[in-house]
Protein backbone atom coordinates (compact mmCIF):
# COMPACT_ATOMS: atom_id res chain seq x y z
CA MET A 1 0.00 0.00 0.00
CA LYS A 2 1.25 3.47 -0.82
CA ARG A 3 1.10 6.03 1.94
CA SER A 4 -1.14 8.28 -0.16
CA GLU A 5 -3.82 5.56 0.07
CA ILE A 6 -4.09 5.69 3.89
CA LYS A 7 -7.63 6.68 4.80
CA ARG A 8 -7.74 6.95 8.60
CA ARG A 9 -5.75 7.29 11.77
CA PRO A 10 -4.66 5.62 14.01
CA LEU A 11 -2.99 3.18 11.64
CA ALA A 12 -4.34 -0.36 11.66
CA ASP A 13 -1.81 -3.20 11.82
CA THR A 14 -2.89 -4.36 8.35
CA VAL A 15 -2.07 -0.91 6.95
CA VAL A 16 1.29 -0.84 8.75
CA ALA A 17 2.19 -4.30 7.45
CA THR A 18 1.43 -3.40 3.84
CA LEU A 19 3.09 0.05 3.68
CA GLU A 20 5.65 0.13 0.90
CA PRO A 21 9.12 1.65 1.25
CA GLU A 22 10.11 4.64 -0.86
CA ASP A 23 13.46 6.00 -2.09
CA LYS A 24 13.91 8.00 1.12
CA LYS A 25 12.90 7.15 4.67
CA TYR A 26 9.63 8.71 5.76
CA ARG A 27 7.45 8.99 8.83
CA GLU A 28 3.73 8.39 8.83
CA HIS A 29 1.71 10.08 11.58
CA ASP A 30 -0.38 7.74 13.74
CA GLY A 31 -1.72 10.31 16.21
CA ASN A 32 -0.72 12.01 19.48
CA SER A 33 2.91 12.58 18.37
CA LEU A 34 3.37 8.89 17.48
CA TYR A 35 4.92 8.12 14.09
CA LEU A 36 5.79 5.02 12.08
CA ARG A 37 9.18 5.36 10.37
CA VAL A 38 9.63 3.38 7.14
CA LYS A 39 13.15 2.97 5.76
CA PRO A 40 14.04 2.34 2.09
CA ASP A 41 15.00 -1.26 2.91
CA GLY A 42 11.46 -1.89 4.21
CA ARG A 43 12.20 -1.93 7.95
CA LYS A 44 9.62 -0.15 10.10
CA SER A 45 9.82 1.27 13.60
CA TRP A 46 7.73 3.39 15.96
CA GLN A 47 8.93 6.80 17.13
CA LEU A 48 7.54 9.36 19.55
CA ARG A 49 8.15 13.08 19.07
CA TYR A 50 8.36 15.01 22.31
CA LYS A 51 9.47 18.40 23.58
CA LYS A 52 12.43 18.38 25.96
CA PRO A 53 12.46 20.64 29.05
CA ASP A 54 14.72 23.10 27.19
CA GLY A 55 11.97 23.57 24.58
CA LYS A 56 13.60 21.64 21.73
CA TRP A 57 11.82 18.81 19.91
CA SER A 58 13.34 15.33 19.91
CA TRP A 59 12.55 11.74 18.85
CA ILE A 60 12.59 8.55 20.90
CA GLY A 61 12.30 5.04 19.48
CA LEU A 62 9.65 2.70 20.83
CA GLY A 63 10.60 -0.46 18.95
CA GLY A 64 10.52 -2.09 15.55
CA TYR A 65 7.48 -3.41 13.75
CA PRO A 66 6.25 -6.26 13.93
CA GLU A 67 7.80 -6.90 17.38
CA VAL A 68 5.96 -3.81 18.63
CA GLY A 69 2.48 -3.59 17.16
CA GLY A 70 0.34 -0.49 16.95
CA SER A 71 -1.52 -0.95 20.22
CA LEU A 72 1.67 -1.65 22.20
CA ALA A 73 3.36 1.39 20.62
CA ARG A 74 0.41 3.56 21.65
CA GLN A 75 0.65 2.24 25.23
CA LYS A 76 4.39 2.93 25.38
CA ALA A 77 3.86 6.40 23.92
CA ALA A 78 1.18 7.20 26.51
CA GLY A 79 3.58 6.24 29.30
CA MET A 80 6.34 8.40 27.87
CA ARG A 81 3.98 11.34 27.39
CA GLY A 82 3.19 10.96 31.09
CA ASP A 83 6.90 11.25 31.88
CA VAL A 84 7.14 14.40 29.74
CA SER A 85 4.12 15.98 31.44
CA GLN A 86 5.78 15.40 34.83
CA GLY A 87 8.95 17.15 33.65
CA ARG A 88 11.04 13.98 33.32
CA ASN A 89 13.21 13.12 30.35
CA PRO A 90 11.61 10.06 28.68
CA LEU A 91 14.94 8.89 27.27
CA ALA A 92 16.51 8.81 30.74
CA MET A 93 13.43 7.02 32.08
CA LYS A 94 13.68 4.46 29.26
CA HIS A 95 17.32 3.73 30.19
CA THR A 96 16.36 3.43 33.87
CA ARG A 97 13.59 0.94 33.07
CA LYS A 98 15.94 -1.16 30.90
CA ALA A 99 18.57 -1.22 33.65
CA ALA A 100 15.97 -2.30 36.20
CA GLU A 101 14.79 -5.09 33.87
CA ALA A 102 18.36 -6.29 33.31
CA ALA A 103 18.95 -6.37 37.06
CA LYS A 104 16.00 -8.76 37.60
């Protein structure tokens, strides 16, 4: 499926699975600052755009598709948006969570 044929948001998993790569990488908006990045080699991953405390915009990866489906990406994004709203850096929180998991 070409990205110009997408009819609605949030993206359904069937739409995500059938999106075709293009010559350049591109991001397709899912909603609430969540994007699906599609690379020219066909790999897909979820990214969240957020504003850092210094006012600059940044991206954080949530995982690759199909390991992380649309609903899981939306859940992860909601948690990270919660971190941002509380003034915490979501990237630092992500590293803290991974370290805690590795310690278990």
